[in-house]
Amino acid sequence: MSRHLATASAVLLVLIICPARLAHAQSVYKCTDGAGHIAYQEMSCGAGMREQLIEIEAPPPPPPRTSHSDTRARRAAPPRAARAAPRAAPVLSYECRTRSGVLFYRHDRCPSSIDRSGQIGGRHGGSREQVSAQRIPRLDACRGMRSVARDGREFDDVPSTYERNLGRDPCRKY
């Protein structure tokens, strides 16, 4: 076993140290002893070993070298198809804000006013508040809807569990 290990180590050492020399070799001898240990070598096998000649194909020619400026020029100019492709219009949602500072998000347009009577001062203490709208990217609206401690969260345009299960959640991709 130690002889086999020594032979394998020697072959490995030759492969590591001389890769260029072996790359141009045309044939290699595969030598197998009586115990079944295998060794690959350039020379013919010794007495008592079974010998097999293995032909090695020549390596493919290296790719042509390009100058550094050619490589930079190719990287700088994107392919024509990439330049010509139009960008998709961003999907927009709405940031709705009341005069009192309540902030909520909608995927469709904001209502003109909201009823805050249940939130402020009981049944008759509240009133309707005017709402202003601003268009924002859908990603920002979805992030805003996920924020926990925000006044106005109860007015967010959040789909029901049923709608989510049907794949109708506008925020599922964001």
Protein backbone atom coordinates (compact mmCIF):
# COMPACT_ATOMS: atom_id res chain seq x y z
CA MET A 1 0.00 0.00 0.00
CA SER A 2 2.81 2.43 0.84
CA ARG A 3 4.42 1.74 -2.53
CA HIS A 4 1.14 2.64 -4.24
CA LEU A 5 0.86 5.79 -2.14
CA ALA A 6 4.43 6.76 -3.00
CA THR A 7 3.77 6.18 -6.71
CA ALA A 8 0.55 8.20 -6.61
CA SER A 9 2.32 11.00 -4.74
CA ALA A 10 5.10 11.05 -7.31
CA VAL A 11 2.63 11.22 -10.19
CA LEU A 12 0.71 14.00 -8.45
CA LEU A 13 3.93 15.91 -7.83
CA VAL A 14 4.88 15.62 -11.50
CA LEU A 15 1.42 16.82 -12.54
CA ILE A 16 1.63 19.85 -10.23
CA ILE A 17 5.21 20.87 -11.02
CA CYS A 18 5.32 20.27 -14.77
CA PRO A 19 1.90 21.00 -16.28
CA ALA A 20 3.33 22.61 -19.40
CA ARG A 21 5.60 19.65 -20.09
CA LEU A 22 2.74 17.13 -19.75
CA ALA A 23 0.40 19.25 -21.84
CA HIS A 24 2.51 18.56 -24.92
CA ALA A 25 2.86 14.80 -24.28
CA GLN A 26 1.39 12.61 -26.98
CA SER A 27 1.21 9.30 -25.11
CA VAL A 28 1.39 7.97 -21.54
CA TYR A 29 1.92 4.46 -20.20
CA LYS A 30 -0.58 3.03 -17.74
CA CYS A 31 1.20 0.46 -15.62
CA THR A 32 -0.70 -2.01 -13.41
CA ASP A 33 1.12 -4.31 -10.99
CA GLY A 34 -0.05 -7.73 -9.71
CA ALA A 35 -1.93 -6.15 -6.75
CA GLY A 36 -3.92 -3.86 -9.07
CA HIS A 37 -2.08 -0.63 -8.26
CA ILE A 38 -2.00 1.78 -11.18
CA ALA A 39 0.73 4.23 -12.15
CA TYR A 40 0.90 6.59 -15.13
CA GLN A 41 4.33 7.44 -16.56
CA GLU A 42 6.18 8.58 -19.66
CA MET A 43 8.49 5.58 -19.76
CA SER A 44 7.71 1.97 -20.50
CA CYS A 45 6.53 -0.14 -17.53
CA GLY A 46 8.90 -2.35 -15.53
CA ALA A 47 9.05 -6.15 -15.49
CA GLY A 48 5.99 -7.90 -14.04
CA MET A 49 3.65 -4.98 -14.77
CA ARG A 50 0.86 -4.88 -17.30
CA GLU A 51 1.33 -2.01 -19.75
CA GLN A 52 -1.24 0.00 -21.71
CA LEU A 53 -0.37 2.90 -24.02
CA ILE A 54 -2.80 5.83 -23.77
CA GLU A 55 -2.84 8.48 -26.48
CA ILE A 56 -3.47 12.05 -25.31
CA GLU A 57 -5.03 14.58 -27.63
CA ALA A 58 -3.20 17.84 -28.15
CA PRO A 59 -4.70 20.71 -26.16
CA PRO A 60 -6.85 23.17 -28.09
CA PRO A 61 -5.08 26.32 -29.23
CA PRO A 62 -5.38 29.26 -26.83
CA PRO A 63 -7.86 32.00 -27.74
CA PRO A 64 -6.37 34.98 -29.55
CA ARG A 65 -5.10 37.65 -27.22
CA THR A 66 -6.83 40.99 -27.28
CA SER A 67 -5.35 44.23 -26.15
CA HIS A 68 -6.62 45.86 -22.97
CA SER A 69 -8.22 48.74 -24.90
CA ASP A 70 -10.27 46.33 -27.06
CA THR A 71 -11.62 44.62 -23.96
CA ARG A 72 -12.58 47.95 -22.38
CA ALA A 73 -14.30 49.12 -25.58
CA ARG A 74 -16.37 45.92 -25.74
CA ARG A 75 -17.44 46.30 -22.10
CA ALA A 76 -18.32 49.98 -22.49
CA ALA A 77 -20.77 49.59 -25.37
CA PRO A 78 -23.82 47.49 -24.46
CA PRO A 79 -25.27 45.22 -27.14
CA ARG A 80 -27.69 46.90 -29.52
CA ALA A 81 -30.66 44.88 -28.26
CA ALA A 82 -30.03 46.07 -24.70
CA ARG A 83 -29.89 49.71 -25.78
CA ALA A 84 -33.06 49.49 -27.87
CA ALA A 85 -35.25 47.71 -25.30
CA PRO A 86 -37.77 50.12 -23.79
CA ARG A 87 -38.09 50.15 -20.04
CA ALA A 88 -41.37 49.13 -18.50
CA ALA A 89 -43.27 51.96 -16.87
CA PRO A 90 -43.05 51.76 -13.08
CA VAL A 91 -46.14 50.51 -11.30
CA LEU A 92 -47.55 53.31 -9.16
CA SER A 93 -49.63 53.46 -6.00
CA TYR A 94 -50.81 56.42 -3.93
CA GLU A 95 -49.67 57.94 -0.67
CA CYS A 96 -52.76 59.49 0.95
CA ARG A 97 -52.38 62.12 3.67
CA THR A 98 -55.00 64.01 5.67
CA ARG A 99 -54.67 67.57 6.96
CA SER A 100 -54.13 66.24 10.49
CA GLY A 101 -51.14 64.18 9.29
CA VAL A 102 -52.71 60.72 9.04
CA LEU A 103 -50.83 58.71 6.40
CA PHE A 104 -52.18 55.69 4.52
CA TYR A 105 -51.55 53.96 1.19
CA ARG A 106 -53.80 52.88 -1.68
CA HIS A 107 -53.14 51.04 -4.92
CA ASP A 108 -56.05 52.85 -6.58
CA ARG A 109 -56.68 56.56 -6.18
CA CYS A 110 -57.14 58.06 -2.72
CA PRO A 111 -60.63 58.95 -1.47
CA SER A 112 -61.48 62.66 -1.37
CA SER A 113 -62.15 62.45 2.39
CA ILE A 114 -62.21 59.90 5.21
CA ASP A 115 -64.53 59.57 8.21
CA ARG A 116 -62.57 59.71 11.46
CA SER A 117 -65.65 59.78 13.74
CA GLY A 118 -64.93 56.35 15.19
CA GLN A 119 -61.36 57.33 16.03
CA ILE A 120 -61.67 60.84 17.47
CA GLY A 121 -63.93 61.74 20.41
CA GLY A 122 -66.58 59.06 20.06
CA ARG A 123 -69.63 58.89 17.82
CA HIS A 124 -70.38 62.60 17.36
CA GLY A 125 -66.96 64.09 18.10
CA GLY A 126 -65.30 63.36 14.76
CA SER A 127 -65.74 64.70 11.29
CA ARG A 128 -64.67 64.02 7.74
CA GLU A 129 -61.13 64.99 6.82
CA GLN A 130 -59.94 66.03 3.38
CA VAL A 131 -57.29 63.76 1.80
CA SER A 132 -54.46 64.78 -0.51
CA ALA A 133 -52.84 62.23 -2.83
CA GLN A 134 -49.36 61.78 -4.22
CA ARG A 135 -48.30 59.09 -6.70
CA ILE A 136 -45.40 56.94 -5.49
CA PRO A 137 -43.73 53.72 -6.71
CA ARG A 138 -45.57 50.53 -5.71
CA LEU A 139 -42.48 49.33 -3.85
CA ASP A 140 -42.58 52.35 -1.52
CA ALA A 141 -46.31 51.91 -0.89
CA CYS A 142 -45.88 48.22 -0.04
CA ARG A 143 -43.05 49.02 2.36
CA GLY A 144 -45.17 51.72 3.97
CA MET A 145 -48.07 49.30 4.42
CA ARG A 146 -45.77 46.90 6.26
CA SER A 147 -44.69 49.53 8.79
CA VAL A 148 -46.26 48.74 12.16
CA ALA A 149 -46.55 51.91 14.26
CA ARG A 150 -48.19 54.37 11.90
CA ASP A 151 -51.35 56.40 12.43
CA GLY A 152 -53.74 55.73 9.54
CA ARG A 153 -52.87 52.09 9.03
CA GLU A 154 -56.56 51.19 9.32
CA PHE A 155 -57.23 53.02 6.01
CA ASP A 156 -54.56 51.13 4.00
CA ASP A 157 -55.65 49.25 0.88
CA VAL A 158 -54.84 45.77 2.24
CA PRO A 159 -56.31 42.72 0.44
CA SER A 160 -58.17 40.04 2.38
CA THR A 161 -56.66 36.63 3.04
CA TYR A 162 -58.95 35.23 0.34
CA GLU A 163 -57.65 37.73 -2.22
CA ARG A 164 -54.05 36.94 -1.23
CA ASN A 165 -54.66 33.20 -1.63
CA LEU A 166 -56.02 33.83 -5.12
CA GLY A 167 -52.81 35.74 -5.97
CA ARG A 168 -54.49 39.14 -6.11
CA ASP A 169 -52.20 40.89 -3.63
CA PRO A 170 -50.62 43.89 -5.42
CA CYS A 171 -47.65 43.73 -3.02
CA ARG A 172 -46.80 40.04 -3.62
CA LYS A 173 -43.90 40.94 -5.96
CA TYR A 174 -42.52 43.73 -3.79
